[in-house]
Protein backbone atom coordinates (compact mmCIF):
# COMPACT_ATOMS: atom_id res chain seq x y z
CA MET A 1 0.00 0.00 0.00
CA LYS A 2 2.83 2.39 0.82
CA ILE A 3 4.51 1.78 -2.56
CA SER A 4 1.32 2.44 -4.54
CA GLY A 5 0.73 5.67 -2.58
CA PHE A 6 4.27 6.79 -3.35
CA ILE A 7 3.80 6.02 -7.05
CA ILE A 8 0.52 7.95 -7.17
CA LEU A 9 2.07 10.92 -5.35
CA PHE A 10 5.09 10.88 -7.69
CA PHE A 11 2.84 10.74 -10.75
CA LEU A 12 0.63 13.62 -9.53
CA SER A 13 3.60 15.82 -8.63
CA THR A 14 5.20 15.18 -12.04
CA CYS A 15 1.96 16.07 -13.84
CA CYS A 16 1.56 19.22 -11.76
CA ALA A 17 5.17 20.31 -12.41
CA ASN A 18 4.77 19.76 -16.15
CA TRP A 19 1.50 21.70 -16.22
CA LEU A 20 3.11 24.59 -14.33
CA SER A 21 6.06 24.56 -16.70
CA PHE A 22 3.91 24.59 -19.84
CA ASN A 23 1.64 27.34 -18.52
CA ARG A 24 4.37 29.31 -16.76
CA ILE A 25 2.18 29.60 -13.68
CA GLY A 26 4.12 30.67 -10.63
CA PHE A 27 7.06 32.01 -12.60
CA SER A 28 8.10 35.63 -12.56
CA ASP A 29 6.78 37.92 -15.28
CA LYS A 30 9.70 40.25 -14.63
CA GLN A 31 11.42 41.32 -17.83
CA GLU A 32 15.17 41.56 -17.84
CA LEU A 33 18.22 41.16 -20.04
CA VAL A 34 20.83 39.04 -18.27
CA GLU A 35 24.42 38.81 -19.49
CA ILE A 36 25.33 35.13 -19.80
CA ASN A 37 28.24 34.77 -22.29
CA LEU A 38 27.70 31.17 -23.45
CA PRO A 39 28.85 29.59 -26.70
CA VAL A 40 26.18 29.04 -29.33
CA PRO A 41 25.70 25.25 -29.54
CA LYS A 42 27.63 23.71 -32.45
CA ALA A 43 25.12 20.97 -33.32
CA ARG A 44 23.61 21.33 -36.78
CA LEU A 45 19.83 21.78 -36.80
CA PRO A 46 17.64 21.09 -39.82
CA LEU A 47 15.62 24.00 -41.13
CA TYR A 48 11.84 24.19 -41.20
CA ASN A 49 10.52 24.39 -44.80
CA GLU A 50 14.03 24.81 -46.23
CA GLN A 51 16.89 22.54 -47.24
CA GLY A 52 20.05 22.58 -45.20
CA SER A 53 20.84 23.37 -41.62
CA LEU A 54 20.90 26.46 -39.45
CA ASP A 55 23.77 28.87 -39.91
CA LEU A 56 23.47 31.85 -37.61
CA PRO A 57 24.14 35.26 -39.12
CA GLN A 58 27.59 36.77 -38.64
CA ALA A 59 25.86 39.67 -36.92
CA PRO A 60 23.87 39.87 -33.68
CA ALA A 61 20.46 38.21 -33.76
CA VAL A 62 17.62 37.27 -31.43
CA LEU A 63 17.18 33.51 -30.96
CA VAL A 64 13.73 32.52 -29.75
CA VAL A 65 13.24 28.99 -28.42
CA PHE A 66 9.55 28.20 -28.82
CA GLY A 67 7.10 25.39 -29.53
CA SER A 68 3.83 25.08 -31.41
CA TRP A 69 2.49 23.20 -28.36
CA CYS A 70 3.33 26.08 -25.96
CA PRO A 71 0.47 28.54 -25.13
CA PRO A 72 2.76 31.43 -24.03
CA CYS A 73 4.76 30.98 -27.25
CA ARG A 74 1.64 31.29 -29.39
CA LYS A 75 0.59 34.37 -27.42
CA GLU A 76 3.94 36.06 -28.07
CA LEU A 77 4.01 35.46 -31.87
CA PRO A 78 1.95 38.53 -32.94
CA VAL A 79 4.20 40.88 -30.94
CA LEU A 80 7.34 39.25 -32.33
CA LYS A 81 5.91 39.59 -35.84
CA LYS A 82 5.38 43.36 -35.43
CA LEU A 83 8.92 43.74 -34.10
CA SER A 84 10.52 41.59 -36.80
CA ASP A 85 8.64 43.50 -39.52
CA ARG A 86 10.63 46.57 -38.46
CA LYS A 87 13.74 44.83 -39.90
CA GLU A 88 15.98 46.21 -37.15
CA MET A 89 17.45 42.81 -36.27
CA PRO A 90 17.02 39.19 -37.35
CA PHE A 91 14.74 36.90 -35.36
CA ILE A 92 15.71 33.21 -35.54
CA GLY A 93 13.28 30.60 -34.24
CA ILE A 94 14.36 27.35 -32.61
CA ALA A 95 11.33 25.03 -32.55
CA LEU A 96 11.84 22.83 -29.50
CA ARG A 97 10.53 19.25 -29.64
CA ASP A 98 8.44 20.15 -32.68
CA ASN A 99 7.95 19.09 -36.28
CA ALA A 100 7.08 20.66 -39.63
CA LYS A 101 3.47 19.45 -39.58
CA SER A 102 2.74 21.10 -36.22
CA LEU A 103 4.51 24.30 -37.28
CA ASN A 104 2.46 24.41 -40.49
CA ARG A 105 -0.73 24.29 -38.41
CA LEU A 106 0.65 26.95 -36.03
CA PHE A 107 1.51 29.38 -38.83
CA GLN A 108 -1.87 28.93 -40.52
CA LYS A 109 -3.42 30.53 -37.43
CA ASN A 110 -0.57 32.78 -36.22
CA PRO A 111 1.95 35.07 -37.92
CA ASP A 112 5.46 33.74 -38.53
CA PRO A 113 7.88 36.35 -37.15
CA PHE A 114 11.11 34.49 -37.89
CA ASN A 115 13.70 35.01 -40.60
CA ARG A 116 14.50 31.30 -40.29
CA ILE A 117 13.34 28.45 -38.11
CA ALA A 118 15.39 25.43 -37.09
CA LEU A 119 13.99 22.21 -35.62
CA ASP A 120 15.46 21.04 -32.32
CA LYS A 121 13.49 17.80 -32.17
CA SER A 122 15.36 16.31 -29.22
CA GLY A 123 16.12 19.45 -27.22
CA ASP A 124 19.87 18.74 -27.37
CA TRP A 125 20.63 22.13 -28.97
CA ALA A 126 18.61 24.24 -26.51
CA GLY A 127 19.79 22.26 -23.48
CA PRO A 128 23.25 23.88 -23.14
CA LEU A 129 21.55 27.30 -23.23
CA ARG A 130 19.36 26.22 -20.30
CA ALA A 131 16.14 26.85 -22.24
CA TYR A 132 14.02 24.94 -19.75
CA LEU A 133 11.00 27.25 -19.83
CA ILE A 134 9.79 28.49 -23.17
CA PRO A 135 9.49 30.85 -24.80
CA THR A 136 13.06 31.76 -24.00
CA ALA A 137 15.03 34.24 -26.07
CA TYR A 138 18.70 35.07 -26.42
CA LEU A 139 20.67 37.89 -28.00
CA THR A 140 23.76 36.60 -29.83
CA ASP A 141 26.86 38.66 -30.54
CA GLY A 142 27.36 37.44 -34.13
CA LYS A 143 30.70 35.86 -33.15
CA GLY A 144 29.46 32.49 -31.94
CA ARG A 145 28.40 33.51 -28.45
CA VAL A 146 25.14 34.18 -26.68
CA ALA A 147 25.63 37.53 -25.00
CA TYR A 148 22.30 37.90 -23.18
CA GLU A 149 19.33 35.87 -22.06
CA ILE A 150 16.07 37.74 -22.53
CA ARG A 151 13.84 36.85 -19.59
CA GLY A 152 10.14 37.51 -19.52
CA GLU A 153 7.70 38.34 -22.27
CA ILE A 154 9.05 40.38 -25.15
CA THR A 155 6.84 43.44 -25.46
CA LYS A 156 7.22 46.47 -27.71
CA ASP A 157 8.30 48.62 -24.76
CA PHE A 158 10.83 46.07 -23.43
CA TYR A 159 12.20 45.62 -26.96
CA GLU A 160 12.65 49.35 -27.58
CA LYS A 161 14.05 50.29 -24.16
CA THR A 162 16.19 47.27 -23.36
CA ILE A 163 16.80 44.80 -26.19
CA LEU A 164 17.33 47.19 -29.12
CA PRO A 165 19.96 49.34 -27.31
CA LYS A 166 21.98 46.20 -26.41
CA TYR A 167 21.64 44.96 -29.98
CA ARG A 168 22.99 48.28 -31.25
CA GLU A 169 25.94 48.06 -28.83
CA LEU A 170 26.75 44.60 -30.16
CA THR A 171 26.71 45.79 -33.78
CA GLN A 172 29.26 48.55 -33.17
């Protein structure tokens, strides 16, 4: 009886933790740009709806780790689209544990804000960046390093006051 109770408790706590993670309940909505200085993972990722694999631009870019299955990611897409349409910096999508069929359905209902999208089907690429909660975004330096982690929801105001100035510093 004690073993079955432990198994049930373990199962319920795992389900609850996964639900909280997917819905980002209980996590801070605080927006901040945190300097992290990590190497961009070297693994080659296949591209969504293109031949070849992801090559990051030789200039700073915003990497957004997202998933078609993630409600906060879908909510953020229209804002990202408006910002990417300004053509001030490239937005690169990393679709975590996703596939082309699911992304096709996502982009039939939501705008596609990304210059390119790569498929990280196993999560091995995003793992070294510690992209445990998504959406998670990063600002790269264009030299093979992730300079900043962008925490919290990307809004127009946060983009203009915080992200864009750091991007401009990196391009100089």
